[in-house]
Amino acid sequence: MKNLLIPSTLELDTINAVKVAIQQSKGKQCTLTLALVSEIPDTYSTATFLRSMKSELSASQKNVLEYCRELVTISQNCTLKIHYQYGISTPLVKNLIEHLGIELTILTPSYRNTEKRIHNQFVQILCNCKNPILHLSSNFEEQQLSKAMYLEQTKSKIQLEDLQELIPDHFSFKIVSQAKIFNDQNTEDLELLLNDAITKNNIDLLIETRKPKKIKLKKENIHTTENFGLPILSLYEEIV
C-alpha cells in the first residue's frame, strides 16, 4: 500500500486506524492522509467565513493527532498528512482519491456511526467509490490481520478464485474460509454458523463486496456483519 485515507474526527479510534495503516504498508514508503471534513460556514461575510474555517482542535483531539504523528515517526517508512475539507460531493471525493493516489480507505467505528450529516454523506460517497474500504470494529485491538473469511453474497459476481489472485498483491492476509450469504437467510442462524466457522478457523477479518447505492440524507442501518466484532474489508465489485 502506497497511500491510505483515514476519515477522522480525531476520536481515540483514529489511533487504531493509523496502527493498522502502518501494518498494511508492509514497511514500504507510504503516505497516510487524515481527512477532516466540515460543513461550509453559512455566512456572507468573508471575514466570518475565514474565522469559521480556522476552528481550533480540542485538547483531546490535539493529543490524538500528536500520538498519530509519533506512531508514524516511529514507523520510519510512513508519512502523515492532514487534509482539511470544507463541503463534500461525489466529484470532489473521487477527484481527491485520484489526486492523493489512495489505494485503501480505513473507516473507524466513531466515524461510521457519526450523527453529523456531512460525515455520513462522506462515508456513503466513499462506499460508492471503487477503492477497498477497511471497516474497523468497535472492540478491535491492535493485531496482525492474517486469516480472512470471504462472505459471498448471492448475486455477487466475484468468486473466491478471483480474490485469491487479488489479495496477495495488495494485502498481507490469506483467505482461509468462505461462506455464502443468502438474502432470505435467518439472521440468528447465519450468526450461529458464522461464529462457529470464525472460532474454528481463527478468523480475524471478514471480506465482503459492495455495489453503488443511492446517497441518502439519513444514516443507514449498521451492517449485520458488524455483529461479529471483526474488521471488514469491503471490495467494490468492479475492481476484480
Protein backbone atom coordinates (compact mmCIF):
# COMPACT_ATOMS: atom_id res chain seq x y z
CA MET A 1 0.00 0.00 0.00
CA LYS A 2 1.40 3.38 -1.03
CA ASN A 3 -1.31 5.80 0.11
CA LEU A 4 -4.14 5.35 2.60
CA LEU A 5 -7.07 7.59 3.55
CA ILE A 6 -8.47 7.79 7.09
CA PRO A 7 -11.56 10.00 7.53
CA SER A 8 -11.42 11.25 11.09
CA THR A 9 -12.88 13.49 13.77
CA LEU A 10 -9.76 12.71 15.84
CA GLU A 11 -11.53 10.36 18.23
CA LEU A 12 -9.38 7.78 20.06
CA ASP A 13 -10.07 5.03 17.50
CA THR A 14 -8.17 7.11 14.91
CA ILE A 15 -5.04 5.82 16.67
CA ASN A 16 -6.06 2.21 15.90
CA ALA A 17 -6.67 3.16 12.27
CA VAL A 18 -3.17 4.62 12.00
CA LYS A 19 -1.66 1.49 13.56
CA VAL A 20 -3.49 -0.72 11.05
CA ALA A 21 -2.43 1.57 8.19
CA ILE A 22 1.21 1.25 9.23
CA GLN A 23 0.84 -2.54 9.34
CA GLN A 24 -0.68 -2.63 5.86
CA SER A 25 2.17 -0.53 4.46
CA LYS A 26 4.37 -3.64 4.85
CA GLY A 27 7.43 -1.49 5.62
CA LYS A 28 7.26 0.32 2.27
CA GLN A 29 7.08 4.07 1.77
CA CYS A 30 3.52 5.12 2.45
CA THR A 31 1.50 8.31 2.98
CA LEU A 32 -1.38 8.31 5.48
CA THR A 33 -3.90 11.11 4.97
CA LEU A 34 -6.23 12.07 7.80
CA ALA A 35 -9.29 13.71 6.21
CA LEU A 36 -11.04 16.23 8.49
CA VAL A 37 -14.33 17.18 6.84
CA SER A 38 -16.51 20.10 7.94
CA GLU A 39 -19.58 21.93 6.70
CA ILE A 40 -19.02 25.12 4.71
CA PRO A 41 -19.67 28.07 7.09
CA ASP A 42 -23.10 29.59 6.39
CA THR A 43 -22.25 33.28 6.12
CA TYR A 44 -21.97 36.03 3.54
CA SER A 45 -19.13 37.75 5.39
CA THR A 46 -15.64 36.88 4.11
CA ALA A 47 -14.05 37.61 7.49
CA THR A 48 -16.55 35.44 9.35
CA PHE A 49 -16.10 32.69 6.76
CA LEU A 50 -12.31 32.65 7.26
CA ARG A 51 -12.62 32.72 11.06
CA SER A 52 -15.05 29.78 10.98
CA MET A 53 -12.66 27.75 8.84
CA LYS A 54 -9.92 28.13 11.45
CA SER A 55 -11.71 26.32 14.25
CA GLU A 56 -9.37 25.15 16.99
CA LEU A 57 -8.97 21.50 17.91
CA SER A 58 -9.92 20.40 21.41
CA ALA A 59 -7.26 19.21 23.85
CA SER A 60 -8.23 15.55 23.33
CA GLN A 61 -8.13 15.96 19.53
CA LYS A 62 -4.67 17.51 19.75
CA ASN A 63 -3.48 14.58 21.88
CA VAL A 64 -4.81 12.04 19.36
CA LEU A 65 -3.15 13.89 16.48
CA GLU A 66 0.16 14.11 18.34
CA TYR A 67 0.06 10.38 19.15
CA CYS A 68 -0.62 9.57 15.49
CA ARG A 69 2.37 11.66 14.47
CA GLU A 70 4.57 9.81 16.96
CA LEU A 71 3.43 6.43 15.60
CA VAL A 72 4.21 7.48 12.04
CA THR A 73 7.63 8.81 13.06
CA ILE A 74 8.47 5.53 14.79
CA SER A 75 7.45 3.55 11.70
CA GLN A 76 10.22 5.28 9.68
CA ASN A 77 8.52 4.36 6.39
CA CYS A 78 5.25 6.30 6.65
CA THR A 79 4.40 9.99 6.48
CA LEU A 80 1.29 11.69 7.84
CA LYS A 81 -0.71 14.41 6.09
CA ILE A 82 -3.73 16.31 7.36
CA HIS A 83 -6.33 17.24 4.75
CA TYR A 84 -8.96 19.80 5.75
CA GLN A 85 -12.06 19.60 3.56
CA TYR A 86 -14.99 22.02 3.70
CA GLY A 87 -18.10 20.71 2.00
CA ILE A 88 -18.42 17.39 0.22
CA SER A 89 -19.71 16.00 -3.08
CA THR A 90 -19.23 12.86 -5.16
CA PRO A 91 -17.00 14.51 -7.84
CA LEU A 92 -14.92 16.18 -5.13
CA VAL A 93 -14.30 12.92 -3.27
CA LYS A 94 -13.43 10.99 -6.44
CA ASN A 95 -11.01 13.72 -7.51
CA LEU A 96 -9.46 13.76 -4.03
CA ILE A 97 -8.91 9.99 -4.09
CA GLU A 98 -7.36 10.19 -7.56
CA HIS A 99 -5.18 13.19 -6.65
CA LEU A 100 -3.86 11.53 -3.47
CA GLY A 101 -3.46 8.14 -5.17
CA ILE A 102 -5.47 6.40 -2.44
CA GLU A 103 -5.33 2.58 -2.51
CA LEU A 104 -7.20 1.85 0.74
CA THR A 105 -9.64 3.75 2.96
CA ILE A 106 -9.88 2.89 6.66
CA LEU A 107 -13.13 3.73 8.46
CA THR A 108 -13.31 3.83 12.25
CA PRO A 109 -16.47 2.99 14.26
CA SER A 110 -16.74 6.56 15.57
CA TYR A 111 -16.72 7.97 12.05
CA ARG A 112 -19.01 5.35 10.56
CA ASN A 113 -21.58 5.87 13.35
CA THR A 114 -21.39 9.65 13.38
CA GLU A 115 -24.60 11.66 13.65
CA LYS A 116 -23.33 14.59 11.57
CA ARG A 117 -24.82 14.58 8.10
CA ILE A 118 -21.66 15.64 6.27
CA HIS A 119 -19.66 12.77 7.78
CA ASN A 120 -22.46 10.33 6.96
CA GLN A 121 -22.52 11.58 3.36
CA PHE A 122 -18.75 11.26 3.14
CA VAL A 123 -18.98 7.60 4.19
CA GLN A 124 -21.73 6.88 1.65
CA ILE A 125 -19.78 8.55 -1.17
CA LEU A 126 -16.66 6.59 -0.25
CA CYS A 127 -18.68 3.36 -0.41
CA ASN A 128 -19.67 4.27 -3.97
CA CYS A 129 -16.03 4.72 -4.97
CA LYS A 130 -14.01 1.78 -6.27
CA ASN A 131 -11.32 1.75 -3.59
CA PRO A 132 -11.24 -1.03 -0.97
CA ILE A 133 -12.56 0.05 2.43
CA LEU A 134 -11.45 -1.48 5.71
CA HIS A 135 -14.13 -1.07 8.39
CA LEU A 136 -12.61 -1.40 11.86
CA SER A 137 -14.78 -2.89 14.60
CA SER A 138 -15.62 -1.17 17.89
CA ASN A 139 -13.78 -3.77 20.01
CA PHE A 140 -10.82 -4.03 17.64
CA GLU A 141 -7.48 -4.41 19.36
CA GLU A 142 -4.09 -3.95 17.78
CA GLN A 143 -3.26 -7.15 15.94
CA GLN A 144 -1.96 -8.53 12.67
CA LEU A 145 -4.72 -9.35 10.19
CA SER A 146 -3.71 -12.78 8.93
CA LYS A 147 -6.75 -15.04 8.36
CA ALA A 148 -9.82 -13.90 6.45
CA MET A 149 -13.26 -15.31 5.64
CA TYR A 150 -14.98 -14.35 2.39
CA LEU A 151 -18.71 -13.71 2.79
CA GLU A 152 -20.06 -14.30 -0.71
CA GLN A 153 -23.38 -12.61 -1.44
CA THR A 154 -25.94 -14.50 -3.55
CA LYS A 155 -25.73 -12.13 -6.54
CA SER A 156 -22.04 -11.33 -6.26
CA LYS A 157 -20.02 -11.65 -9.46
CA ILE A 158 -16.75 -12.10 -7.57
CA GLN A 159 -15.65 -15.67 -7.00
CA LEU A 160 -13.23 -16.90 -4.37
CA GLU A 161 -10.67 -17.68 -7.09
CA ASP A 162 -10.73 -14.01 -8.15
CA LEU A 163 -9.96 -12.85 -4.63
CA GLN A 164 -7.20 -15.42 -4.16
CA GLU A 165 -5.38 -13.74 -7.07
CA LEU A 166 -6.13 -10.17 -5.96
CA ILE A 167 -5.40 -10.31 -2.22
CA PRO A 168 -1.65 -11.26 -2.24
CA ASP A 169 -0.82 -8.26 -4.45
CA HIS A 170 -2.34 -5.75 -2.04
CA PHE A 171 -2.71 -7.28 1.43
CA SER A 172 -0.70 -9.46 3.81
CA PHE A 173 -3.51 -11.78 4.97
CA LYS A 174 -4.86 -15.03 3.45
CA ILE A 175 -8.41 -16.19 2.78
CA VAL A 176 -8.81 -19.45 4.69
CA SER A 177 -12.60 -19.79 4.74
CA GLN A 178 -15.71 -18.94 2.73
CA ALA A 179 -19.43 -18.64 3.48
CA LYS A 180 -22.36 -17.96 1.15
CA ILE A 181 -24.90 -15.39 2.33
CA PHE A 182 -28.50 -15.67 1.09
CA ASN A 183 -30.93 -12.75 1.20
CA ASP A 184 -33.70 -14.79 2.84
CA GLN A 185 -31.40 -16.43 5.40
CA ASN A 186 -32.44 -16.22 9.04
CA THR A 187 -30.17 -13.73 10.84
CA GLU A 188 -29.83 -15.80 14.02
CA ASP A 189 -28.99 -18.99 12.10
CA LEU A 190 -26.46 -17.08 9.99
CA GLU A 191 -24.74 -15.61 13.04
CA LEU A 192 -24.56 -19.03 14.71
CA LEU A 193 -22.96 -20.67 11.66
CA LEU A 194 -20.50 -17.84 11.04
CA ASN A 195 -19.48 -17.60 14.69
CA ASP A 196 -18.70 -21.33 14.66
CA ALA A 197 -16.60 -21.01 11.48
CA ILE A 198 -14.82 -17.91 12.81
CA THR A 199 -13.85 -19.69 16.02
CA LYS A 200 -12.70 -22.92 14.33
CA ASN A 201 -10.55 -21.13 11.74
CA ASN A 202 -9.23 -18.33 14.00
CA ILE A 203 -10.65 -15.73 11.62
CA ASP A 204 -9.63 -12.13 12.36
CA LEU A 205 -11.01 -10.43 9.24
CA LEU A 206 -14.18 -10.65 7.13
CA ILE A 207 -14.30 -9.84 3.40
CA GLU A 208 -17.44 -8.73 1.61
CA THR A 209 -18.30 -6.99 -1.66
CA ARG A 210 -20.42 -3.92 -2.29
CA LYS A 211 -22.21 -2.20 -5.16
CA PRO A 212 -23.01 1.51 -5.62
CA LYS A 213 -26.09 2.80 -3.79
CA LYS A 214 -28.13 5.97 -3.89
CA ILE A 215 -26.85 8.58 -1.43
CA LYS A 216 -29.29 9.10 1.46
CA LEU A 217 -29.53 12.02 3.86
CA LYS A 218 -30.18 9.75 6.83
CA LYS A 219 -27.62 7.38 8.32
CA GLU A 220 -28.02 3.82 7.12
CA ASN A 221 -28.50 0.89 9.49
CA ILE A 222 -25.40 -0.79 10.90
CA HIS A 223 -24.31 -3.70 8.75
CA THR A 224 -25.20 -7.19 10.03
CA THR A 225 -21.60 -8.41 9.81
CA GLU A 226 -20.57 -5.83 12.40
CA ASN A 227 -22.18 -8.10 15.00
CA PHE A 228 -19.15 -10.40 14.80
CA GLY A 229 -16.78 -7.79 16.20
CA LEU A 230 -14.23 -8.22 13.40
CA PRO A 231 -12.78 -5.77 10.89
CA ILE A 232 -14.50 -5.96 7.49
CA LEU A 233 -12.72 -5.43 4.19
CA SER A 234 -15.27 -4.19 1.64
CA LEU A 235 -14.35 -4.61 -2.03
CA TYR A 236 -16.10 -2.86 -4.89
CA GLU A 237 -17.43 -5.45 -7.32
CA GLU A 238 -15.76 -3.95 -10.39
CA ILE A 239 -12.17 -3.99 -9.08
CA VAL A 240 -11.69 -7.69 -9.82
